[in-house]
C-alpha cells in the first residue's frame, strides 16, 4: 500500500507541475496572441540553426508525429493559425489531397521568435530554481540537475506511451 501511495503522489505532483507551468506561462502567451498548443505548433515550424531560420514547409503528418497528437487536431490548429495569419498551407501535389505542407508567414515567424525570446528564458529560470533548490550558480550542477530531470521525464513519457518526437533544446553544451 505504501508503494501505491508514493506512485500516486508522483503522478499527482507531475500533473500539478504541468498545470503550474501552464499557469505561469499563460499570461505571457496570451499577450503574444498564443496558447501553449499554438506555441508548440509554431515552434515545430522553426528550424534550429545559426539564425533560427524557418523551415520552408513541413508536412502536417510530420507535425502530428512531432507533437504526438491526432491528424484532426493538427488540421484544426493549422486552420486557426492560418486564420490568424501566422501560417500558410498548401497541397504538396495537386492530385494528392492528403499531403499538406505548412510554413510560417512573416507574421508567424516574428510571433514565434518573439514568444521564444520571452518564454524560454523565463521558463528556464523557473525550472532551474525548482530543481537546483535556488542554488543554481554552478554550470556543472545546473547541467547535472537538468540532465537528471530530462531523463526522468523521458522515462515517464516513454512508459505512458507518449509518441511526440519534438524536442525543445534546453541549452546544455551538447545542444
N, C-alpha and C. Protein backbone atom coordinates (compact mmCIF):
# COMPACT_ATOMS: atom_id res chain seq x y z
N UNK A 1 0.81 -1.19 0.00
CA UNK A 1 0.00 0.00 0.00
C UNK A 1 0.86 1.26 0.00
N UNK A 2 1.99 1.22 0.67
CA UNK A 2 2.88 2.37 0.72
C UNK A 2 3.37 2.73 -0.68
N UNK A 3 3.73 1.72 -1.50
CA UNK A 3 4.22 1.97 -2.85
C UNK A 3 3.15 2.65 -3.69
N UNK A 4 1.90 2.17 -3.61
CA UNK A 4 0.80 2.77 -4.38
C UNK A 4 0.62 4.23 -4.01
N UNK A 5 0.75 4.56 -2.74
CA UNK A 5 0.61 5.95 -2.31
C UNK A 5 1.74 6.80 -2.88
N UNK A 6 2.96 6.26 -2.90
CA UNK A 6 4.10 7.00 -3.45
C UNK A 6 3.93 7.24 -4.94
N UNK A 7 3.47 6.25 -5.67
CA UNK A 7 3.25 6.41 -7.11
C UNK A 7 2.17 7.45 -7.35
N UNK A 8 1.10 7.39 -6.56
CA UNK A 8 0.04 8.38 -6.71
C UNK A 8 0.56 9.78 -6.42
N UNK A 9 1.41 9.94 -5.43
CA UNK A 9 1.98 11.25 -5.11
C UNK A 9 2.83 11.75 -6.27
N UNK A 10 3.58 10.87 -6.92
CA UNK A 10 4.40 11.27 -8.06
C UNK A 10 3.50 11.66 -9.23
N UNK A 11 2.48 10.87 -9.48
CA UNK A 11 1.54 11.18 -10.56
C UNK A 11 0.87 12.53 -10.31
N UNK A 12 0.39 12.74 -9.10
CA UNK A 12 -0.28 14.00 -8.75
C UNK A 12 0.71 15.16 -8.85
N UNK A 13 1.92 14.96 -8.35
CA UNK A 13 2.94 16.01 -8.40
C UNK A 13 3.32 16.38 -9.82
N UNK A 14 3.44 15.38 -10.69
CA UNK A 14 3.76 15.64 -12.09
C UNK A 14 2.65 16.43 -12.76
N UNK A 15 1.41 16.03 -12.49
CA UNK A 15 0.26 16.74 -13.05
C UNK A 15 0.22 18.18 -12.56
N UNK A 16 0.45 18.38 -11.28
CA UNK A 16 0.41 19.74 -10.71
C UNK A 16 1.55 20.60 -11.27
N UNK A 17 2.72 20.01 -11.47
CA UNK A 17 3.84 20.75 -12.06
C UNK A 17 3.49 21.19 -13.49
N UNK A 18 2.88 20.29 -14.25
CA UNK A 18 2.44 20.63 -15.61
C UNK A 18 1.47 21.80 -15.59
N UNK A 19 0.47 21.73 -14.73
CA UNK A 19 -0.50 22.82 -14.65
C UNK A 19 0.15 24.11 -14.16
N UNK A 20 1.13 23.99 -13.29
CA UNK A 20 1.85 25.17 -12.83
C UNK A 20 2.61 25.86 -13.94
N UNK A 21 3.24 25.10 -14.80
CA UNK A 21 3.94 25.69 -15.95
C UNK A 21 2.94 26.40 -16.86
N UNK A 22 1.81 25.75 -17.12
CA UNK A 22 0.79 26.40 -17.96
C UNK A 22 0.30 27.70 -17.32
N UNK A 23 0.06 27.66 -16.02
CA UNK A 23 -0.41 28.86 -15.31
C UNK A 23 0.64 29.97 -15.38
N UNK A 24 1.90 29.61 -15.19
CA UNK A 24 2.97 30.61 -15.16
C UNK A 24 3.24 31.22 -16.53
N UNK A 25 2.95 30.49 -17.59
CA UNK A 25 3.26 30.99 -18.94
C UNK A 25 2.04 31.55 -19.68
N UNK A 26 0.86 31.27 -19.19
CA UNK A 26 -0.37 31.65 -19.91
C UNK A 26 -0.45 33.15 -20.19
N UNK A 27 -0.16 33.98 -19.20
CA UNK A 27 -0.31 35.43 -19.37
C UNK A 27 0.61 35.95 -20.48
N UNK A 28 1.87 35.51 -20.46
CA UNK A 28 2.81 35.97 -21.48
C UNK A 28 2.39 35.50 -22.87
N UNK A 29 1.92 34.27 -22.96
CA UNK A 29 1.48 33.76 -24.25
C UNK A 29 0.25 34.51 -24.75
N UNK A 30 -0.70 34.77 -23.87
CA UNK A 30 -1.90 35.50 -24.26
C UNK A 30 -1.54 36.89 -24.77
N UNK A 31 -0.59 37.54 -24.12
CA UNK A 31 -0.14 38.87 -24.57
C UNK A 31 0.44 38.81 -25.99
N UNK A 32 0.96 37.66 -26.36
CA UNK A 32 1.52 37.47 -27.70
C UNK A 32 0.48 36.90 -28.67
N UNK A 33 -0.74 36.67 -28.19
CA UNK A 33 -1.80 36.13 -29.03
C UNK A 33 -1.72 34.63 -29.23
N UNK A 34 -1.08 33.94 -28.29
CA UNK A 34 -0.88 32.50 -28.42
C UNK A 34 -1.45 31.73 -27.24
N UNK A 35 -1.59 30.44 -27.44
CA UNK A 35 -1.86 29.48 -26.37
C UNK A 35 -0.64 28.57 -26.30
N UNK A 36 -0.57 27.72 -25.29
CA UNK A 36 0.55 26.78 -25.19
C UNK A 36 0.58 25.85 -26.40
N UNK A 37 -0.58 25.38 -26.85
CA UNK A 37 -0.64 24.48 -28.01
C UNK A 37 -0.18 25.19 -29.28
N UNK A 38 -0.60 26.43 -29.46
CA UNK A 38 -0.17 27.18 -30.64
C UNK A 38 1.33 27.45 -30.60
N UNK A 39 1.84 27.75 -29.40
CA UNK A 39 3.28 27.95 -29.24
C UNK A 39 4.03 26.70 -29.67
N UNK A 40 3.57 25.53 -29.25
CA UNK A 40 4.22 24.28 -29.61
C UNK A 40 4.19 24.06 -31.12
N UNK A 41 3.02 24.25 -31.74
CA UNK A 41 2.92 24.02 -33.18
C UNK A 41 3.80 24.98 -33.95
N UNK A 42 3.79 26.25 -33.60
CA UNK A 42 4.64 27.22 -34.29
C UNK A 42 6.12 26.88 -34.08
N UNK A 43 6.47 26.39 -32.90
CA UNK A 43 7.86 26.02 -32.62
C UNK A 43 8.34 24.88 -33.51
N UNK A 44 7.43 23.98 -33.86
CA UNK A 44 7.77 22.87 -34.75
C UNK A 44 8.20 23.40 -36.11
N UNK A 45 7.66 24.54 -36.50
CA UNK A 45 7.94 25.08 -37.83
C UNK A 45 9.22 25.90 -37.89
N UNK A 46 9.89 26.07 -36.76
CA UNK A 46 11.16 26.80 -36.72
C UNK A 46 12.30 25.80 -36.74
N UNK A 47 13.17 25.96 -37.68
CA UNK A 47 14.34 25.09 -37.77
C UNK A 47 15.43 25.67 -36.87
N UNK A 48 16.00 24.84 -36.02
CA UNK A 48 17.10 25.32 -35.19
C UNK A 48 18.35 25.38 -36.03
N UNK A 49 18.97 26.53 -36.06
CA UNK A 49 20.18 26.70 -36.85
C UNK A 49 20.87 27.98 -36.45
N UNK A 50 21.88 28.37 -37.21
CA UNK A 50 22.66 29.55 -36.83
C UNK A 50 21.82 30.80 -36.66
N UNK A 51 20.79 30.95 -37.51
CA UNK A 51 19.97 32.16 -37.41
C UNK A 51 18.50 31.85 -37.17
N UNK A 52 18.19 30.68 -36.66
CA UNK A 52 16.79 30.29 -36.38
C UNK A 52 15.90 30.46 -37.61
N UNK A 53 16.37 30.03 -38.75
CA UNK A 53 15.60 30.14 -39.98
C UNK A 53 14.35 29.28 -39.90
N UNK A 54 13.31 29.72 -40.54
CA UNK A 54 12.06 28.95 -40.52
C UNK A 54 12.08 27.93 -41.64
N UNK A 55 11.57 26.75 -41.34
CA UNK A 55 11.53 25.67 -42.31
C UNK A 55 10.65 26.08 -43.49
N UNK A 56 11.01 25.69 -44.73
CA UNK A 56 10.27 26.11 -45.91
C UNK A 56 8.91 25.44 -46.06
N UNK A 57 8.65 24.40 -45.36
CA UNK A 57 7.36 23.72 -45.43
C UNK A 57 7.48 22.39 -44.71
N UNK A 58 6.56 22.15 -43.81
CA UNK A 58 6.58 20.91 -43.03
C UNK A 58 5.24 20.22 -43.27
N UNK A 59 5.28 18.94 -43.57
CA UNK A 59 4.03 18.20 -43.77
C UNK A 59 3.23 18.17 -42.48
N UNK A 60 1.90 18.26 -42.64
CA UNK A 60 1.03 18.16 -41.47
C UNK A 60 1.22 16.82 -40.77
N UNK A 61 1.49 15.77 -41.53
CA UNK A 61 1.70 14.46 -40.92
C UNK A 61 2.95 14.46 -40.04
N UNK A 62 3.98 15.21 -40.44
CA UNK A 62 5.19 15.31 -39.61
C UNK A 62 4.89 16.11 -38.34
N UNK A 63 4.08 17.16 -38.47
CA UNK A 63 3.69 17.96 -37.30
C UNK A 63 2.95 17.07 -36.30
N UNK A 64 2.06 16.24 -36.82
CA UNK A 64 1.29 15.33 -35.96
C UNK A 64 2.24 14.41 -35.17
N UNK A 65 3.22 13.84 -35.86
CA UNK A 65 4.17 12.95 -35.18
C UNK A 65 5.01 13.71 -34.16
N UNK A 66 5.48 14.90 -34.53
CA UNK A 66 6.33 15.66 -33.61
C UNK A 66 5.59 16.05 -32.34
N UNK A 67 4.31 16.42 -32.49
CA UNK A 67 3.54 16.85 -31.32
C UNK A 67 2.83 15.70 -30.61
N UNK A 68 2.76 14.54 -31.26
CA UNK A 68 2.11 13.39 -30.64
C UNK A 68 0.61 13.57 -30.50
N UNK A 69 -0.01 14.20 -31.51
CA UNK A 69 -1.45 14.43 -31.49
C UNK A 69 -2.06 13.80 -32.74
N UNK A 70 -3.38 13.82 -32.83
CA UNK A 70 -4.07 13.21 -33.97
C UNK A 70 -4.10 14.16 -35.16
N UNK A 71 -4.33 13.60 -36.33
CA UNK A 71 -4.42 14.40 -37.56
C UNK A 71 -5.52 15.46 -37.46
N UNK A 72 -6.73 15.14 -36.96
CA UNK A 72 -7.75 16.18 -36.86
C UNK A 72 -7.35 17.35 -35.95
N UNK A 73 -6.60 17.07 -34.90
CA UNK A 73 -6.13 18.13 -34.00
C UNK A 73 -5.20 19.08 -34.77
N UNK A 74 -4.27 18.51 -35.52
CA UNK A 74 -3.34 19.34 -36.30
C UNK A 74 -4.11 20.16 -37.33
N UNK A 75 -5.06 19.53 -38.01
CA UNK A 75 -5.85 20.25 -39.02
C UNK A 75 -6.56 21.44 -38.40
N UNK A 76 -7.21 21.25 -37.26
CA UNK A 76 -7.92 22.36 -36.59
C UNK A 76 -6.95 23.45 -36.16
N UNK A 77 -5.82 23.05 -35.59
CA UNK A 77 -4.84 24.04 -35.12
C UNK A 77 -4.27 24.84 -36.30
N UNK A 78 -3.93 24.16 -37.38
CA UNK A 78 -3.36 24.84 -38.54
C UNK A 78 -4.39 25.79 -39.14
N UNK A 79 -5.63 25.37 -39.24
CA UNK A 79 -6.68 26.27 -39.76
C UNK A 79 -6.81 27.53 -38.90
N UNK A 80 -6.78 27.34 -37.58
CA UNK A 80 -6.89 28.50 -36.69
C UNK A 80 -5.69 29.44 -36.85
N UNK A 81 -4.50 28.87 -36.94
CA UNK A 81 -3.30 29.69 -37.12
C UNK A 81 -3.29 30.36 -38.49
N UNK A 82 -3.86 29.70 -39.49
CA UNK A 82 -3.97 30.29 -40.83
C UNK A 82 -4.92 31.49 -40.79
N UNK A 83 -6.04 31.35 -40.09
CA UNK A 83 -6.99 32.48 -39.95
C UNK A 83 -6.35 33.67 -39.25
N UNK A 84 -5.41 33.38 -38.33
CA UNK A 84 -4.70 34.46 -37.63
C UNK A 84 -3.56 35.05 -38.46
N UNK A 85 -3.31 34.46 -39.62
CA UNK A 85 -2.25 34.96 -40.49
C UNK A 85 -0.85 34.54 -40.06
N UNK A 86 -0.75 33.51 -39.21
CA UNK A 86 0.56 33.09 -38.70
C UNK A 86 1.19 31.96 -39.51
N UNK A 87 0.38 31.19 -40.24
CA UNK A 87 0.91 30.13 -41.11
C UNK A 87 0.17 30.17 -42.44
N UNK A 88 0.77 29.53 -43.41
CA UNK A 88 0.07 29.28 -44.67
C UNK A 88 0.26 27.81 -44.98
N UNK A 89 -0.70 27.25 -45.70
CA UNK A 89 -0.61 25.82 -46.05
C UNK A 89 -0.99 25.65 -47.51
N UNK A 90 -0.48 24.60 -48.10
CA UNK A 90 -0.77 24.29 -49.48
C UNK A 90 -0.58 22.80 -49.70
N UNK A 91 -1.17 22.31 -50.77
CA UNK A 91 -1.04 20.90 -51.10
C UNK A 91 0.31 20.68 -51.79
N UNK A 92 0.99 19.63 -51.36
CA UNK A 92 2.29 19.32 -51.95
C UNK A 92 2.14 18.95 -53.43
N UNK A 93 1.13 18.17 -53.72
CA UNK A 93 0.81 17.77 -55.09
C UNK A 93 -0.67 18.05 -55.30
N UNK A 94 -1.03 18.67 -56.40
CA UNK A 94 -2.44 18.97 -56.65
C UNK A 94 -3.31 17.72 -56.66
N UNK A 95 -2.75 16.60 -57.12
CA UNK A 95 -3.53 15.37 -57.25
C UNK A 95 -3.64 14.60 -55.94
N UNK A 96 -2.81 14.93 -54.93
CA UNK A 96 -2.83 14.21 -53.65
C UNK A 96 -3.29 15.15 -52.54
N UNK A 97 -4.54 15.07 -52.19
CA UNK A 97 -5.11 15.99 -51.21
C UNK A 97 -4.68 15.68 -49.78
N UNK A 98 -3.99 14.53 -49.58
CA UNK A 98 -3.59 14.15 -48.22
C UNK A 98 -2.32 14.86 -47.77
N UNK A 99 -1.46 15.21 -48.69
CA UNK A 99 -0.17 15.80 -48.33
C UNK A 99 -0.26 17.32 -48.31
N UNK A 100 -0.30 17.88 -47.11
CA UNK A 100 -0.41 19.32 -46.94
C UNK A 100 0.86 19.82 -46.25
N UNK A 101 1.44 20.86 -46.83
CA UNK A 101 2.62 21.49 -46.24
C UNK A 101 2.21 22.76 -45.51
N UNK A 102 2.93 23.05 -44.43
CA UNK A 102 2.63 24.22 -43.60
C UNK A 102 3.94 24.97 -43.38
N UNK A 103 3.86 26.29 -43.44
CA UNK A 103 5.03 27.11 -43.12
C UNK A 103 4.58 28.37 -42.42
N UNK A 104 5.49 28.98 -41.71
CA UNK A 104 5.22 30.24 -41.04
C UNK A 104 5.14 31.37 -42.06
N UNK A 105 4.24 32.31 -41.83
CA UNK A 105 4.24 33.55 -42.59
C UNK A 105 5.26 34.47 -41.92
N UNK A 106 5.50 35.63 -42.50
CA UNK A 106 6.40 36.58 -41.85
C UNK A 106 5.88 36.96 -40.47
N UNK A 107 4.56 37.16 -40.37
CA UNK A 107 3.95 37.49 -39.07
C UNK A 107 4.12 36.34 -38.09
N UNK A 108 3.95 35.11 -38.57
CA UNK A 108 4.13 33.93 -37.72
C UNK A 108 5.56 33.79 -37.25
N UNK A 109 6.49 34.05 -38.14
CA UNK A 109 7.91 33.97 -37.77
C UNK A 109 8.24 35.00 -36.69
N UNK A 110 7.79 36.24 -36.89
CA UNK A 110 8.03 37.27 -35.87
C UNK A 110 7.40 36.88 -34.54
N UNK A 111 6.18 36.36 -34.61
CA UNK A 111 5.45 35.99 -33.40
C UNK A 111 6.17 34.90 -32.61
N UNK A 112 6.54 33.81 -33.28
CA UNK A 112 7.14 32.69 -32.54
C UNK A 112 8.55 33.03 -32.06
N UNK A 113 9.31 33.75 -32.85
CA UNK A 113 10.66 34.10 -32.38
C UNK A 113 10.58 35.06 -31.19
N UNK A 114 9.62 35.97 -31.22
CA UNK A 114 9.42 36.86 -30.07
C UNK A 114 8.94 36.07 -28.85
N UNK A 115 8.01 35.15 -29.07
CA UNK A 115 7.49 34.33 -27.97
C UNK A 115 8.61 33.49 -27.36
N UNK A 116 9.45 32.91 -28.19
CA UNK A 116 10.56 32.11 -27.67
C UNK A 116 11.55 32.98 -26.90
N UNK A 117 11.81 34.18 -27.41
CA UNK A 117 12.72 35.10 -26.70
C UNK A 117 12.19 35.45 -25.31
N UNK A 118 10.87 35.56 -25.20
CA UNK A 118 10.23 35.93 -23.93
C UNK A 118 10.07 34.70 -23.02
N UNK A 119 9.59 33.61 -23.60
CA UNK A 119 9.18 32.45 -22.81
C UNK A 119 10.32 31.57 -22.32
N UNK A 120 11.21 31.20 -23.21
CA UNK A 120 12.20 30.19 -22.86
C UNK A 120 13.14 30.62 -21.73
N UNK A 121 13.65 31.86 -21.73
CA UNK A 121 14.50 32.24 -20.58
C UNK A 121 13.72 32.25 -19.26
N UNK A 122 12.48 32.71 -19.29
CA UNK A 122 11.68 32.76 -18.07
C UNK A 122 11.40 31.35 -17.54
N UNK A 123 11.03 30.45 -18.44
CA UNK A 123 10.76 29.07 -18.03
C UNK A 123 12.04 28.40 -17.55
N UNK A 124 13.15 28.64 -18.24
CA UNK A 124 14.42 28.06 -17.81
C UNK A 124 14.78 28.49 -16.40
N UNK A 125 14.63 29.79 -16.10
CA UNK A 125 14.93 30.28 -14.74
C UNK A 125 14.02 29.61 -13.72
N UNK A 126 12.74 29.50 -14.05
CA UNK A 126 11.78 28.90 -13.13
C UNK A 126 12.15 27.44 -12.84
N UNK A 127 12.47 26.68 -13.89
CA UNK A 127 12.82 25.27 -13.72
C UNK A 127 14.12 25.14 -12.95
N UNK A 128 15.11 25.95 -13.28
CA UNK A 128 16.40 25.86 -12.58
C UNK A 128 16.24 26.17 -11.10
N UNK A 129 15.43 27.17 -10.76
CA UNK A 129 15.19 27.46 -9.34
C UNK A 129 14.56 26.26 -8.64
N UNK A 130 13.65 25.61 -9.31
CA UNK A 130 12.95 24.48 -8.70
C UNK A 130 13.86 23.27 -8.54
N UNK A 131 14.60 22.91 -9.58
CA UNK A 131 15.37 21.67 -9.49
C UNK A 131 16.72 21.84 -8.82
N UNK A 132 17.22 23.07 -8.76
CA UNK A 132 18.51 23.31 -8.09
C UNK A 132 18.29 23.92 -6.71
N UNK A 133 17.05 23.97 -6.27
CA UNK A 133 16.69 24.44 -4.93
C UNK A 133 17.23 25.84 -4.67
N UNK A 134 17.17 26.70 -5.71
CA UNK A 134 17.60 28.09 -5.58
C UNK A 134 19.10 28.30 -5.71
N UNK A 135 19.89 27.24 -5.64
CA UNK A 135 21.35 27.36 -5.72
C UNK A 135 21.80 26.93 -7.11
N UNK A 136 21.55 27.75 -8.11
CA UNK A 136 21.82 27.36 -9.48
C UNK A 136 22.98 28.15 -10.10
N UNK A 137 23.98 28.48 -9.31
CA UNK A 137 25.09 29.29 -9.81
C UNK A 137 26.15 28.46 -10.51
N UNK A 138 26.25 27.19 -10.21
CA UNK A 138 27.27 26.33 -10.80
C UNK A 138 26.74 25.73 -12.10
N UNK A 139 27.46 26.00 -13.21
CA UNK A 139 27.04 25.48 -14.51
C UNK A 139 27.02 23.95 -14.52
N UNK A 140 27.99 23.31 -13.87
CA UNK A 140 28.01 21.85 -13.87
C UNK A 140 26.86 21.28 -13.04
N UNK A 141 26.50 21.95 -11.94
CA UNK A 141 25.35 21.49 -11.14
C UNK A 141 24.06 21.65 -11.93
N UNK A 142 23.92 22.79 -12.63
CA UNK A 142 22.72 23.00 -13.46
C UNK A 142 22.62 21.90 -14.50
N UNK A 143 23.74 21.60 -15.15
CA UNK A 143 23.75 20.57 -16.18
C UNK A 143 23.33 19.22 -15.60
N UNK A 144 23.89 18.84 -14.47
CA UNK A 144 23.55 17.55 -13.85
C UNK A 144 22.07 17.48 -13.48
N UNK A 145 21.56 18.55 -12.86
CA UNK A 145 20.16 18.57 -12.46
C UNK A 145 19.23 18.51 -13.67
N UNK A 146 19.53 19.30 -14.70
CA UNK A 146 18.69 19.30 -15.90
C UNK A 146 18.76 17.94 -16.60
N UNK A 147 19.94 17.34 -16.66
CA UNK A 147 20.08 16.05 -17.30
C UNK A 147 19.29 14.98 -16.54
N UNK A 148 19.34 15.03 -15.22
CA UNK A 148 18.58 14.08 -14.40
C UNK A 148 17.08 14.27 -14.61
N UNK A 149 16.62 15.52 -14.56
CA UNK A 149 15.20 15.79 -14.77
C UNK A 149 14.77 15.32 -16.15
N UNK A 150 15.56 15.64 -17.16
CA UNK A 150 15.21 15.24 -18.52
C UNK A 150 15.12 13.72 -18.64
N UNK A 151 16.03 13.00 -18.01
CA UNK A 151 15.98 11.53 -18.10
C UNK A 151 14.75 10.99 -17.39
N UNK A 152 14.38 11.56 -16.25
CA UNK A 152 13.16 11.12 -15.56
C UNK A 152 11.92 11.39 -16.41
N UNK A 153 11.85 12.59 -16.98
CA UNK A 153 10.68 12.94 -17.80
C UNK A 153 10.61 12.06 -19.04
N UNK A 154 11.75 11.79 -19.66
CA UNK A 154 11.77 10.91 -20.84
C UNK A 154 11.28 9.51 -20.47
N UNK A 155 11.72 9.01 -19.33
CA UNK A 155 11.27 7.70 -18.88
C UNK A 155 9.77 7.67 -18.63
N UNK A 156 9.25 8.70 -17.99
CA UNK A 156 7.80 8.77 -17.76
C UNK A 156 7.03 8.83 -19.07
N UNK A 157 7.49 9.68 -19.98
CA UNK A 157 6.81 9.81 -21.28
C UNK A 157 6.80 8.47 -22.01
N UNK A 158 7.92 7.79 -22.00
CA UNK A 158 8.02 6.51 -22.69
C UNK A 158 7.07 5.49 -22.07
N UNK A 159 7.05 5.41 -20.74
CA UNK A 159 6.18 4.44 -20.05
C UNK A 159 4.70 4.72 -20.30
N UNK A 160 4.34 6.00 -20.48
CA UNK A 160 2.95 6.36 -20.71
C UNK A 160 2.59 6.35 -22.19
N UNK A 161 3.53 5.92 -23.03
CA UNK A 161 3.23 5.77 -24.45
C UNK A 161 3.20 7.07 -25.23
N UNK A 162 3.88 8.09 -24.75
CA UNK A 162 3.92 9.37 -25.47
C UNK A 162 4.67 9.18 -26.78
N UNK A 163 4.06 9.58 -27.88
CA UNK A 163 4.66 9.38 -29.20
C UNK A 163 5.28 10.65 -29.77
N UNK A 164 5.18 11.77 -29.07
CA UNK A 164 5.73 13.03 -29.58
C UNK A 164 7.24 12.91 -29.75
N UNK A 165 7.73 13.48 -30.86
CA UNK A 165 9.17 13.43 -31.13
C UNK A 165 9.82 14.80 -31.04
N UNK A 166 9.01 15.86 -30.90
CA UNK A 166 9.57 17.21 -30.85
C UNK A 166 10.38 17.39 -29.57
N UNK A 167 11.47 18.09 -29.68
CA UNK A 167 12.37 18.29 -28.55
C UNK A 167 12.72 19.76 -28.45
N UNK A 168 12.42 20.37 -27.30
CA UNK A 168 12.86 21.73 -27.04
C UNK A 168 14.27 21.67 -26.48
N UNK A 169 15.23 22.28 -27.14
CA UNK A 169 16.59 22.27 -26.56
C UNK A 169 16.60 23.11 -25.29
N UNK A 170 17.28 22.63 -24.27
CA UNK A 170 17.30 23.37 -23.01
C UNK A 170 18.62 24.01 -22.73
N UNK A 171 19.52 23.96 -23.66
CA UNK A 171 20.71 24.78 -23.55
C UNK A 171 21.92 24.14 -22.90
N UNK A 172 22.01 22.81 -22.89
CA UNK A 172 23.25 22.26 -22.38
C UNK A 172 24.27 22.25 -23.53
N UNK A 173 25.54 22.07 -23.25
CA UNK A 173 26.57 22.21 -24.28
C UNK A 173 26.40 21.30 -25.49
N UNK A 174 25.69 20.19 -25.35
CA UNK A 174 25.51 19.28 -26.48
C UNK A 174 24.43 19.73 -27.44
N UNK A 175 23.60 20.69 -27.08
CA UNK A 175 22.51 21.17 -27.95
C UNK A 175 23.04 22.12 -29.01
